[in-house]
Amino acid sequence: MPEEELKRRITQLELELQKATQLLEARARAEAERGEEIKVLKDRVAALAAENQKLAQAVDRLRAERVKPSPTQLVQSFRRAIDALRAGLEAKPGDRLGYTVSQFNVELKSLVTVDKESQDVRFVLPEPG
């Protein structure tokens, strides 16, 4: 009887060993797959970092090449833009006149451009009305 008990116990241990081996192999495969995923992600991060560096260098080059207007150019350009705006607000034949304005709030947005050839700075203001 003890011999049969030993055989049964050995069979049971062999089955448990087989299950444990299968579990270890499954874990090893999962680790390998996870390692592969990590490698792919690291490669992608490296590629994005390289692309970011190239873009930063391109921005730096553009900043260095950009025309930098002098304060005098800015003031003169702004004065011309305001004069053009005033001219656009002048009454024209057929316009209704005689309005009284007690309060006038304006948020003025403009685009600043620089002519590369003449180096003139221009403020582009919105059309009146």
C-alpha atoms as a PDB file:
ATOM      1  CA  MET A   1       0.000   0.000   0.000  1.00  0.00           C
ATOM      2  CA  PRO A   2       2.717   2.523   0.744  1.00  0.00           C
ATOM      3  CA  GLU A   3       4.176   1.851  -2.706  1.00  0.00           C
ATOM      4  CA  GLU A   4       0.899   2.719  -4.442  1.00  0.00           C
ATOM      5  CA  GLU A   5       0.606   5.832  -2.311  1.00  0.00           C
ATOM      6  CA  LEU A   6       4.112   6.846  -3.425  1.00  0.00           C
ATOM      7  CA  LYS A   7       3.249   6.237  -7.094  1.00  0.00           C
ATOM      8  CA  ARG A   8       0.099   8.342  -6.775  1.00  0.00           C
ATOM      9  CA  ARG A   9       2.038  11.132  -5.032  1.00  0.00           C
ATOM     10  CA  ILE A  10       4.771  11.025  -7.719  1.00  0.00           C
ATOM     11  CA  THR A  11       2.127  11.280 -10.455  1.00  0.00           C
ATOM     12  CA  GLN A  12       0.538  14.204  -8.666  1.00  0.00           C
ATOM     13  CA  LEU A  13       3.915  15.951  -8.308  1.00  0.00           C
ATOM     14  CA  GLU A  14       4.700  15.364 -11.982  1.00  0.00           C
ATOM     15  CA  LEU A  15       1.405  16.988 -12.942  1.00  0.00           C
ATOM     16  CA  GLU A  16       2.093  19.960 -10.680  1.00  0.00           C
ATOM     17  CA  LEU A  17       5.610  20.243 -12.132  1.00  0.00           C
ATOM     18  CA  GLN A  18       4.191  20.201 -15.657  1.00  0.00           C
ATOM     19  CA  LYS A  19       1.681  22.956 -14.762  1.00  0.00           C
ATOM     20  CA  ALA A  20       4.411  25.048 -13.114  1.00  0.00           C
ATOM     21  CA  THR A  21       6.647  24.619 -16.180  1.00  0.00           C
ATOM     22  CA  GLN A  22       3.820  25.742 -18.459  1.00  0.00           C
ATOM     23  CA  LEU A  23       3.184  28.773 -16.251  1.00  0.00           C
ATOM     24  CA  LEU A  24       6.865  29.724 -16.309  1.00  0.00           C
ATOM     25  CA  GLU A  25       7.008  29.364 -20.094  1.00  0.00           C
ATOM     26  CA  ALA A  26       3.875  31.502 -20.468  1.00  0.00           C
ATOM     27  CA  ARG A  27       5.380  34.171 -18.216  1.00  0.00           C
ATOM     28  CA  ALA A  28       8.637  34.084 -20.158  1.00  0.00           C
ATOM     29  CA  ARG A  29       6.720  34.582 -23.430  1.00  0.00           C
ATOM     30  CA  ALA A  30       4.736  37.457 -21.897  1.00  0.00           C
ATOM     31  CA  GLU A  31       7.951  39.083 -20.655  1.00  0.00           C
ATOM     32  CA  ALA A  32       9.528  38.731 -24.101  1.00  0.00           C
ATOM     33  CA  GLU A  33       6.460  40.307 -25.723  1.00  0.00           C
ATOM     34  CA  ARG A  34       6.423  43.108 -23.154  1.00  0.00           C
ATOM     35  CA  GLY A  35      10.137  43.656 -23.736  1.00  0.00           C
ATOM     36  CA  GLU A  36       9.478  43.892 -27.474  1.00  0.00           C
ATOM     37  CA  GLU A  37       6.676  46.423 -26.874  1.00  0.00           C
ATOM     38  CA  ILE A  38       8.962  48.462 -24.640  1.00  0.00           C
ATOM     39  CA  LYS A  39      11.674  48.408 -27.326  1.00  0.00           C
ATOM     40  CA  VAL A  40       9.177  49.625 -29.951  1.00  0.00           C
ATOM     41  CA  LEU A  41       8.008  52.417 -27.634  1.00  0.00           C
ATOM     42  CA  LYS A  42      11.576  53.458 -26.824  1.00  0.00           C
ATOM     43  CA  ASP A  43      12.388  53.571 -30.539  1.00  0.00           C
ATOM     44  CA  ARG A  44       9.302  55.724 -31.150  1.00  0.00           C
ATOM     45  CA  VAL A  45      10.248  58.087 -28.328  1.00  0.00           C
ATOM     46  CA  ALA A  46      13.772  58.400 -29.752  1.00  0.00           C
ATOM     47  CA  ALA A  47      12.369  59.151 -33.220  1.00  0.00           C
ATOM     48  CA  LEU A  48      10.021  61.794 -31.809  1.00  0.00           C
ATOM     49  CA  ALA A  49      12.848  63.380 -29.807  1.00  0.00           C
ATOM     50  CA  ALA A  50      14.992  63.564 -32.954  1.00  0.00           C
ATOM     51  CA  GLU A  51      12.109  65.097 -34.904  1.00  0.00           C
ATOM     52  CA  ASN A  52      11.510  67.596 -32.098  1.00  0.00           C
ATOM     53  CA  GLN A  53      15.181  68.590 -32.153  1.00  0.00           C
ATOM     54  CA  LYS A  54      15.087  69.124 -35.941  1.00  0.00           C
ATOM     55  CA  LEU A  55      11.974  71.272 -35.612  1.00  0.00           C
ATOM     56  CA  ALA A  56      13.552  73.310 -32.812  1.00  0.00           C
ATOM     57  CA  GLN A  57      16.607  73.910 -35.007  1.00  0.00           C
ATOM     58  CA  ALA A  58      14.348  74.985 -37.887  1.00  0.00           C
ATOM     59  CA  VAL A  59      12.526  77.433 -35.592  1.00  0.00           C
ATOM     60  CA  ASP A  60      15.860  78.830 -34.398  1.00  0.00           C
ATOM     61  CA  ARG A  61      16.980  79.308 -38.015  1.00  0.00           C
ATOM     62  CA  LEU A  62      13.725  81.086 -38.877  1.00  0.00           C
ATOM     63  CA  ARG A  63      14.072  83.353 -35.849  1.00  0.00           C
ATOM     64  CA  ALA A  64      17.629  84.242 -36.844  1.00  0.00           C
ATOM     65  CA  GLU A  65      16.594  84.974 -40.449  1.00  0.00           C
ATOM     66  CA  ARG A  66      13.512  87.003 -39.502  1.00  0.00           C
ATOM     67  CA  VAL A  67      13.698  90.707 -40.284  1.00  0.00           C
ATOM     68  CA  LYS A  68      13.769  92.750 -37.106  1.00  0.00           C
ATOM     69  CA  PRO A  69      12.223  96.196 -37.639  1.00  0.00           C
ATOM     70  CA  SER A  70      13.627  99.188 -35.824  1.00  0.00           C
ATOM     71  CA  PRO A  71      11.438 101.167 -33.404  1.00  0.00           C
ATOM     72  CA  THR A  72      11.376 104.056 -35.902  1.00  0.00           C
ATOM     73  CA  GLN A  73      10.082 101.765 -38.632  1.00  0.00           C
ATOM     74  CA  LEU A  74       7.365 100.475 -36.317  1.00  0.00           C
ATOM     75  CA  VAL A  75       6.209 103.955 -35.293  1.00  0.00           C
ATOM     76  CA  GLN A  76       6.164 105.241 -38.885  1.00  0.00           C
ATOM     77  CA  SER A  77       4.279 102.197 -40.103  1.00  0.00           C
ATOM     78  CA  PHE A  78       1.749 102.437 -37.309  1.00  0.00           C
ATOM     79  CA  ARG A  79       1.237 106.156 -38.054  1.00  0.00           C
ATOM     80  CA  ARG A  80       0.581 105.355 -41.755  1.00  0.00           C
ATOM     81  CA  ALA A  81      -1.875 102.617 -40.777  1.00  0.00           C
ATOM     82  CA  ILE A  82      -3.773 104.920 -38.397  1.00  0.00           C
ATOM     83  CA  ASP A  83      -3.906 107.648 -41.086  1.00  0.00           C
ATOM     84  CA  ALA A  84      -5.329 105.108 -43.545  1.00  0.00           C
ATOM     85  CA  LEU A  85      -7.884 104.045 -40.931  1.00  0.00           C
ATOM     86  CA  ARG A  86      -8.922 107.668 -40.329  1.00  0.00           C
ATOM     87  CA  ALA A  87      -9.294 108.224 -44.073  1.00  0.00           C
ATOM     88  CA  GLY A  88     -11.555 105.187 -44.226  1.00  0.00           C
ATOM     89  CA  LEU A  89     -13.729 106.662 -41.463  1.00  0.00           C
ATOM     90  CA  GLU A  90     -14.239 110.014 -43.257  1.00  0.00           C
ATOM     91  CA  ALA A  91     -17.838 110.726 -44.192  1.00  0.00           C
ATOM     92  CA  LYS A  92     -18.728 109.989 -47.791  1.00  0.00           C
ATOM     93  CA  PRO A  93     -21.601 111.417 -49.796  1.00  0.00           C
ATOM     94  CA  GLY A  94     -24.784 109.647 -48.783  1.00  0.00           C
ATOM     95  CA  ASP A  95     -23.518 108.703 -45.309  1.00  0.00           C
ATOM     96  CA  ARG A  96     -25.811 109.540 -42.407  1.00  0.00           C
ATOM     97  CA  LEU A  97     -24.234 112.025 -40.003  1.00  0.00           C
ATOM     98  CA  GLY A  98     -25.082 113.655 -36.713  1.00  0.00           C
ATOM     99  CA  TYR A  99     -24.638 110.704 -34.372  1.00  0.00           C
ATOM    100  CA  THR A 100     -23.394 111.342 -30.858  1.00  0.00           C
ATOM    101  CA  VAL A 101     -21.150 108.784 -29.252  1.00  0.00           C
ATOM    102  CA  SER A 102     -20.813 108.946 -25.495  1.00  0.00           C
ATOM    103  CA  GLN A 103     -18.487 105.969 -25.137  1.00  0.00           C
ATOM    104  CA  PHE A 104     -16.373 104.202 -27.698  1.00  0.00           C
ATOM    105  CA  ASN A 105     -14.405 101.059 -26.858  1.00  0.00           C
ATOM    106  CA  VAL A 106     -12.326  99.449 -29.552  1.00  0.00           C
ATOM    107  CA  GLU A 107     -10.186  96.366 -29.474  1.00  0.00           C
ATOM    108  CA  LEU A 108      -7.811  96.830 -32.366  1.00  0.00           C
ATOM    109  CA  LYS A 109      -5.964  93.870 -33.776  1.00  0.00           C
ATOM    110  CA  SER A 110      -3.417  94.296 -36.504  1.00  0.00           C
ATOM    111  CA  LEU A 111      -1.033  92.213 -38.514  1.00  0.00           C
ATOM    112  CA  VAL A 112       2.559  93.403 -38.799  1.00  0.00           C
ATOM    113  CA  THR A 113       4.341  92.642 -42.059  1.00  0.00           C
ATOM    114  CA  VAL A 114       7.829  93.462 -43.304  1.00  0.00           C
ATOM    115  CA  ASP A 115       8.589  93.960 -46.982  1.00  0.00           C
ATOM    116  CA  LYS A 116      11.789  91.966 -47.584  1.00  0.00           C
ATOM    117  CA  GLU A 117      13.003  94.194 -50.421  1.00  0.00           C
ATOM    118  CA  SER A 118      12.318  97.667 -49.027  1.00  0.00           C
ATOM    119  CA  GLN A 119      12.441  96.636 -45.347  1.00  0.00           C
ATOM    120  CA  ASP A 120       9.245  98.678 -44.822  1.00  0.00           C
ATOM    121  CA  VAL A 121       7.170  97.625 -41.860  1.00  0.00           C
ATOM    122  CA  ARG A 122       3.424  97.698 -42.429  1.00  0.00           C
ATOM    123  CA  PHE A 123       0.551  97.419 -40.000  1.00  0.00           C
ATOM    124  CA  VAL A 124      -2.458  95.854 -41.667  1.00  0.00           C
ATOM    125  CA  LEU A 125      -5.532  97.131 -39.838  1.00  0.00           C
ATOM    126  CA  PRO A 126      -9.064  95.808 -40.268  1.00  0.00           C
ATOM    127  CA  GLU A 127     -11.407  97.561 -42.665  1.00  0.00           C
ATOM    128  CA  PRO A 128     -13.689 100.123 -40.954  1.00  0.00           C
ATOM    129  CA  GLY A 129     -17.263  98.940 -40.569  1.00  0.00           C
END
